[in-house]
Amino acid sequence: MLFMRDDHELVTTHAWLIRCADNHGLLLKKLYVHSGGSPDTILHLLGTLLEFDGVPLVVPSLHHLWTLGHPLHVRDHLQHIGHDVMTAYKPAERAC
């Protein structure tokens, strides 16, 4: 929620994520919303992701990975261990 203005933007972003996953033949199984404070939600996301080999991660933009460290480094690490990272939208960087 740190990158969202309100609940409407969250709902709109959720729809973007679903479309992005669908366009790549994927099914969005979980939606994680981090609303500040402790990074427990993002750490739970990462733990869940790592339980399954090759499960891709779809995020609104790479900035949403900042809680784990530098977004490019997090993306590169996840890709190195077999998890594609796709962005649903970002004006300067469209990956989906």
N, C-alpha and C. Protein backbone atom coordinates (compact mmCIF):
# COMPACT_ATOMS: atom_id res chain seq x y z
N MET A 1 0.82 -1.20 0.00
CA MET A 1 0.00 0.00 0.00
C MET A 1 0.86 1.26 0.00
N LEU A 2 2.14 1.13 0.24
CA LEU A 2 2.99 2.32 0.27
C LEU A 2 3.03 3.03 -1.07
N PHE A 3 2.77 2.31 -2.16
CA PHE A 3 2.80 2.90 -3.50
C PHE A 3 1.40 3.19 -4.04
N MET A 4 0.39 2.94 -3.23
CA MET A 4 -1.00 3.13 -3.66
C MET A 4 -1.58 4.37 -2.99
N ARG A 5 -2.41 5.07 -3.74
CA ARG A 5 -3.05 6.26 -3.17
C ARG A 5 -4.25 5.91 -2.31
N ASP A 6 -4.97 4.86 -2.70
CA ASP A 6 -6.18 4.49 -1.98
C ASP A 6 -6.59 3.07 -2.34
N ASP A 7 -7.69 2.62 -1.76
CA ASP A 7 -8.17 1.26 -2.02
C ASP A 7 -8.56 1.05 -3.48
N HIS A 8 -9.07 2.10 -4.14
CA HIS A 8 -9.44 1.99 -5.55
C HIS A 8 -8.20 1.66 -6.40
N GLU A 9 -7.11 2.33 -6.11
CA GLU A 9 -5.88 2.05 -6.86
C GLU A 9 -5.40 0.63 -6.59
N LEU A 10 -5.58 0.14 -5.37
CA LEU A 10 -5.22 -1.24 -5.05
C LEU A 10 -6.05 -2.21 -5.88
N VAL A 11 -7.35 -1.98 -5.98
CA VAL A 11 -8.23 -2.84 -6.76
C VAL A 11 -7.84 -2.80 -8.24
N THR A 12 -7.54 -1.62 -8.74
CA THR A 12 -7.12 -1.46 -10.14
C THR A 12 -5.80 -2.20 -10.38
N THR A 13 -4.87 -2.07 -9.46
CA THR A 13 -3.58 -2.75 -9.58
C THR A 13 -3.77 -4.26 -9.54
N HIS A 14 -4.66 -4.73 -8.69
CA HIS A 14 -4.95 -6.16 -8.61
C HIS A 14 -5.45 -6.66 -9.97
N ALA A 15 -6.33 -5.89 -10.61
CA ALA A 15 -6.83 -6.25 -11.93
C ALA A 15 -5.69 -6.30 -12.96
N TRP A 16 -4.77 -5.34 -12.89
CA TRP A 16 -3.60 -5.32 -13.78
C TRP A 16 -2.77 -6.58 -13.58
N LEU A 17 -2.55 -6.95 -12.33
CA LEU A 17 -1.76 -8.14 -12.03
C LEU A 17 -2.41 -9.40 -12.59
N ILE A 18 -3.72 -9.50 -12.44
CA ILE A 18 -4.45 -10.66 -12.97
C ILE A 18 -4.31 -10.72 -14.48
N ARG A 19 -4.49 -9.57 -15.16
CA ARG A 19 -4.35 -9.54 -16.62
C ARG A 19 -2.94 -9.89 -17.06
N CYS A 20 -1.96 -9.36 -16.37
CA CYS A 20 -0.56 -9.64 -16.73
C CYS A 20 -0.29 -11.14 -16.60
N ALA A 21 -0.68 -11.72 -15.50
CA ALA A 21 -0.48 -13.16 -15.31
C ALA A 21 -1.22 -13.94 -16.39
N ASP A 22 -2.46 -13.58 -16.65
CA ASP A 22 -3.27 -14.28 -17.65
C ASP A 22 -2.63 -14.18 -19.04
N ASN A 23 -2.11 -13.02 -19.37
CA ASN A 23 -1.47 -12.82 -20.68
C ASN A 23 -0.24 -13.70 -20.86
N HIS A 24 0.33 -14.16 -19.76
CA HIS A 24 1.50 -15.03 -19.81
C HIS A 24 1.14 -16.49 -19.51
N GLY A 25 -0.15 -16.79 -19.54
CA GLY A 25 -0.59 -18.16 -19.29
C GLY A 25 -0.45 -18.60 -17.85
N LEU A 26 -0.47 -17.63 -16.94
CA LEU A 26 -0.32 -17.92 -15.52
C LEU A 26 -1.63 -17.65 -14.79
N LEU A 27 -1.76 -18.22 -13.61
CA LEU A 27 -2.92 -17.98 -12.76
C LEU A 27 -2.42 -17.31 -11.49
N LEU A 28 -2.93 -16.12 -11.21
CA LEU A 28 -2.54 -15.41 -9.99
C LEU A 28 -3.15 -16.14 -8.80
N LYS A 29 -2.31 -16.69 -7.94
CA LYS A 29 -2.79 -17.52 -6.83
C LYS A 29 -2.88 -16.74 -5.53
N LYS A 30 -1.97 -15.79 -5.30
CA LYS A 30 -1.95 -15.05 -4.05
C LYS A 30 -1.67 -13.58 -4.34
N LEU A 31 -2.28 -12.73 -3.55
CA LEU A 31 -2.02 -11.30 -3.61
C LEU A 31 -1.52 -10.88 -2.24
N TYR A 32 -0.36 -10.26 -2.21
CA TYR A 32 0.21 -9.77 -0.97
C TYR A 32 0.14 -8.26 -0.96
N VAL A 33 -0.33 -7.70 0.14
CA VAL A 33 -0.40 -6.25 0.30
C VAL A 33 0.43 -5.87 1.52
N HIS A 34 1.46 -5.11 1.29
CA HIS A 34 2.32 -4.64 2.38
C HIS A 34 1.93 -3.21 2.69
N SER A 35 1.53 -2.96 3.92
CA SER A 35 1.01 -1.63 4.25
C SER A 35 1.90 -0.87 5.22
N GLY A 36 3.16 -1.17 5.25
CA GLY A 36 4.08 -0.43 6.11
C GLY A 36 4.41 -1.22 7.37
N GLY A 37 5.28 -0.63 8.16
CA GLY A 37 5.68 -1.31 9.38
C GLY A 37 6.63 -2.46 9.08
N SER A 38 6.48 -3.52 9.83
CA SER A 38 7.33 -4.69 9.69
C SER A 38 7.20 -5.31 8.30
N PRO A 39 8.31 -5.79 7.75
CA PRO A 39 8.25 -6.40 6.41
C PRO A 39 7.76 -7.85 6.42
N ASP A 40 6.97 -8.24 7.43
CA ASP A 40 6.51 -9.62 7.54
C ASP A 40 5.80 -10.11 6.28
N THR A 41 4.95 -9.27 5.69
CA THR A 41 4.19 -9.69 4.51
C THR A 41 5.12 -10.03 3.36
N ILE A 42 6.08 -9.17 3.09
CA ILE A 42 6.98 -9.41 1.96
C ILE A 42 7.90 -10.60 2.24
N LEU A 43 8.27 -10.80 3.50
CA LEU A 43 9.09 -11.96 3.84
C LEU A 43 8.28 -13.25 3.71
N HIS A 44 6.99 -13.19 4.05
CA HIS A 44 6.12 -14.35 3.87
C HIS A 44 5.96 -14.65 2.38
N LEU A 45 5.81 -13.61 1.58
CA LEU A 45 5.73 -13.77 0.12
C LEU A 45 6.97 -14.48 -0.39
N LEU A 46 8.14 -14.00 0.01
CA LEU A 46 9.38 -14.59 -0.46
C LEU A 46 9.50 -16.04 0.00
N GLY A 47 9.13 -16.31 1.24
CA GLY A 47 9.17 -17.68 1.75
C GLY A 47 8.25 -18.60 0.96
N THR A 48 7.05 -18.14 0.66
CA THR A 48 6.10 -18.93 -0.11
C THR A 48 6.63 -19.16 -1.52
N LEU A 49 7.18 -18.13 -2.12
CA LEU A 49 7.72 -18.24 -3.47
C LEU A 49 8.84 -19.28 -3.54
N LEU A 50 9.70 -19.26 -2.54
CA LEU A 50 10.85 -20.15 -2.56
C LEU A 50 10.49 -21.60 -2.26
N GLU A 51 9.28 -21.84 -1.75
CA GLU A 51 8.83 -23.21 -1.49
C GLU A 51 8.58 -23.98 -2.78
N PHE A 52 8.37 -23.26 -3.87
CA PHE A 52 8.03 -23.89 -5.14
C PHE A 52 9.05 -23.49 -6.20
N ASP A 53 9.59 -24.48 -6.89
CA ASP A 53 10.57 -24.21 -7.94
C ASP A 53 9.92 -23.53 -9.14
N GLY A 54 10.55 -22.46 -9.59
CA GLY A 54 10.15 -21.83 -10.84
C GLY A 54 8.87 -21.02 -10.83
N VAL A 55 8.27 -20.79 -9.67
CA VAL A 55 7.04 -20.00 -9.63
C VAL A 55 7.39 -18.54 -9.91
N PRO A 56 6.76 -17.93 -10.91
CA PRO A 56 7.07 -16.53 -11.21
C PRO A 56 6.41 -15.58 -10.23
N LEU A 57 6.97 -14.40 -10.13
CA LEU A 57 6.45 -13.34 -9.28
C LEU A 57 6.03 -12.20 -10.19
N VAL A 58 4.79 -11.73 -10.04
CA VAL A 58 4.30 -10.58 -10.80
C VAL A 58 4.09 -9.45 -9.81
N VAL A 59 4.75 -8.33 -10.04
CA VAL A 59 4.64 -7.16 -9.17
C VAL A 59 4.20 -5.96 -10.01
N PRO A 60 3.54 -4.99 -9.37
CA PRO A 60 3.15 -3.80 -10.13
C PRO A 60 4.35 -3.11 -10.77
N SER A 61 5.43 -2.96 -10.01
CA SER A 61 6.69 -2.42 -10.52
C SER A 61 7.81 -2.96 -9.66
N LEU A 62 9.03 -2.84 -10.13
CA LEU A 62 10.15 -3.35 -9.34
C LEU A 62 10.30 -2.61 -8.02
N HIS A 63 9.81 -1.39 -7.94
CA HIS A 63 9.90 -0.64 -6.68
C HIS A 63 9.22 -1.37 -5.53
N HIS A 64 8.28 -2.24 -5.85
CA HIS A 64 7.56 -2.97 -4.82
C HIS A 64 8.44 -4.01 -4.13
N LEU A 65 9.65 -4.21 -4.60
CA LEU A 65 10.58 -5.15 -3.98
C LEU A 65 11.56 -4.47 -3.04
N TRP A 66 11.46 -3.17 -2.85
CA TRP A 66 12.45 -2.42 -2.10
C TRP A 66 12.62 -2.90 -0.67
N THR A 67 11.58 -3.45 -0.06
CA THR A 67 11.67 -3.92 1.32
C THR A 67 12.71 -5.02 1.47
N LEU A 68 12.95 -5.77 0.40
CA LEU A 68 13.91 -6.87 0.43
C LEU A 68 15.33 -6.42 0.09
N GLY A 69 15.47 -5.20 -0.39
CA GLY A 69 16.77 -4.70 -0.80
C GLY A 69 16.64 -3.94 -2.10
N HIS A 70 17.75 -3.70 -2.76
CA HIS A 70 17.72 -2.98 -4.04
C HIS A 70 16.87 -3.80 -5.02
N PRO A 71 15.81 -3.20 -5.58
CA PRO A 71 14.89 -3.96 -6.44
C PRO A 71 15.56 -4.71 -7.59
N LEU A 72 16.55 -4.12 -8.22
CA LEU A 72 17.23 -4.81 -9.33
C LEU A 72 18.02 -6.02 -8.83
N HIS A 73 18.62 -5.88 -7.65
CA HIS A 73 19.36 -7.00 -7.09
C HIS A 73 18.42 -8.13 -6.67
N VAL A 74 17.27 -7.77 -6.09
CA VAL A 74 16.28 -8.77 -5.70
C VAL A 74 15.77 -9.50 -6.94
N ARG A 75 15.42 -8.73 -7.99
CA ARG A 75 14.96 -9.34 -9.23
C ARG A 75 16.01 -10.28 -9.82
N ASP A 76 17.25 -9.81 -9.87
CA ASP A 76 18.32 -10.62 -10.44
C ASP A 76 18.54 -11.90 -9.63
N HIS A 77 18.47 -11.78 -8.31
CA HIS A 77 18.64 -12.96 -7.45
C HIS A 77 17.51 -13.96 -7.68
N LEU A 78 16.27 -13.47 -7.71
CA LEU A 78 15.14 -14.37 -7.93
C LEU A 78 15.24 -15.05 -9.30
N GLN A 79 15.64 -14.31 -10.31
CA GLN A 79 15.81 -14.91 -11.63
C GLN A 79 16.93 -15.93 -11.64
N HIS A 80 18.00 -15.64 -10.91
CA HIS A 80 19.14 -16.56 -10.83
C HIS A 80 18.74 -17.90 -10.21
N ILE A 81 17.81 -17.87 -9.25
CA ILE A 81 17.40 -19.11 -8.60
C ILE A 81 16.15 -19.71 -9.25
N GLY A 82 15.76 -19.17 -10.41
CA GLY A 82 14.72 -19.80 -11.21
C GLY A 82 13.33 -19.23 -11.13
N HIS A 83 13.18 -18.02 -10.57
CA HIS A 83 11.86 -17.39 -10.47
C HIS A 83 11.83 -16.14 -11.34
N ASP A 84 11.04 -16.18 -12.42
CA ASP A 84 10.88 -14.99 -13.24
C ASP A 84 10.18 -13.90 -12.43
N VAL A 85 10.59 -12.67 -12.65
CA VAL A 85 9.93 -11.53 -12.03
C VAL A 85 9.39 -10.67 -13.15
N MET A 86 8.07 -10.47 -13.15
CA MET A 86 7.42 -9.68 -14.19
C MET A 86 6.76 -8.47 -13.56
N THR A 87 6.82 -7.35 -14.26
CA THR A 87 6.12 -6.16 -13.79
C THR A 87 4.85 -5.99 -14.60
N ALA A 88 3.76 -5.68 -13.90
CA ALA A 88 2.48 -5.50 -14.57
C ALA A 88 2.41 -4.15 -15.27
N TYR A 89 2.99 -3.13 -14.66
CA TYR A 89 3.03 -1.83 -15.32
C TYR A 89 4.07 -0.95 -14.66
N LYS A 90 4.63 -0.10 -15.45
CA LYS A 90 5.54 0.95 -14.99
C LYS A 90 5.86 1.76 -16.23
N PRO A 91 5.63 3.04 -16.23
CA PRO A 91 5.77 3.82 -17.45
C PRO A 91 7.11 3.63 -18.17
N ALA A 92 8.20 3.57 -17.45
CA ALA A 92 9.52 3.49 -18.09
C ALA A 92 9.99 2.07 -18.31
N GLU A 93 9.23 1.09 -17.84
CA GLU A 93 9.73 -0.28 -17.92
C GLU A 93 8.57 -1.27 -18.02
N ARG A 94 8.15 -1.57 -19.19
CA ARG A 94 7.07 -2.54 -19.36
C ARG A 94 7.66 -3.91 -19.61
N ALA A 95 7.32 -4.85 -18.74
CA ALA A 95 7.80 -6.21 -18.91
C ALA A 95 6.65 -7.15 -19.25
N CYS A 96 5.43 -6.72 -19.03
CA CYS A 96 4.27 -7.54 -19.36
C CYS A 96 3.45 -6.82 -20.40
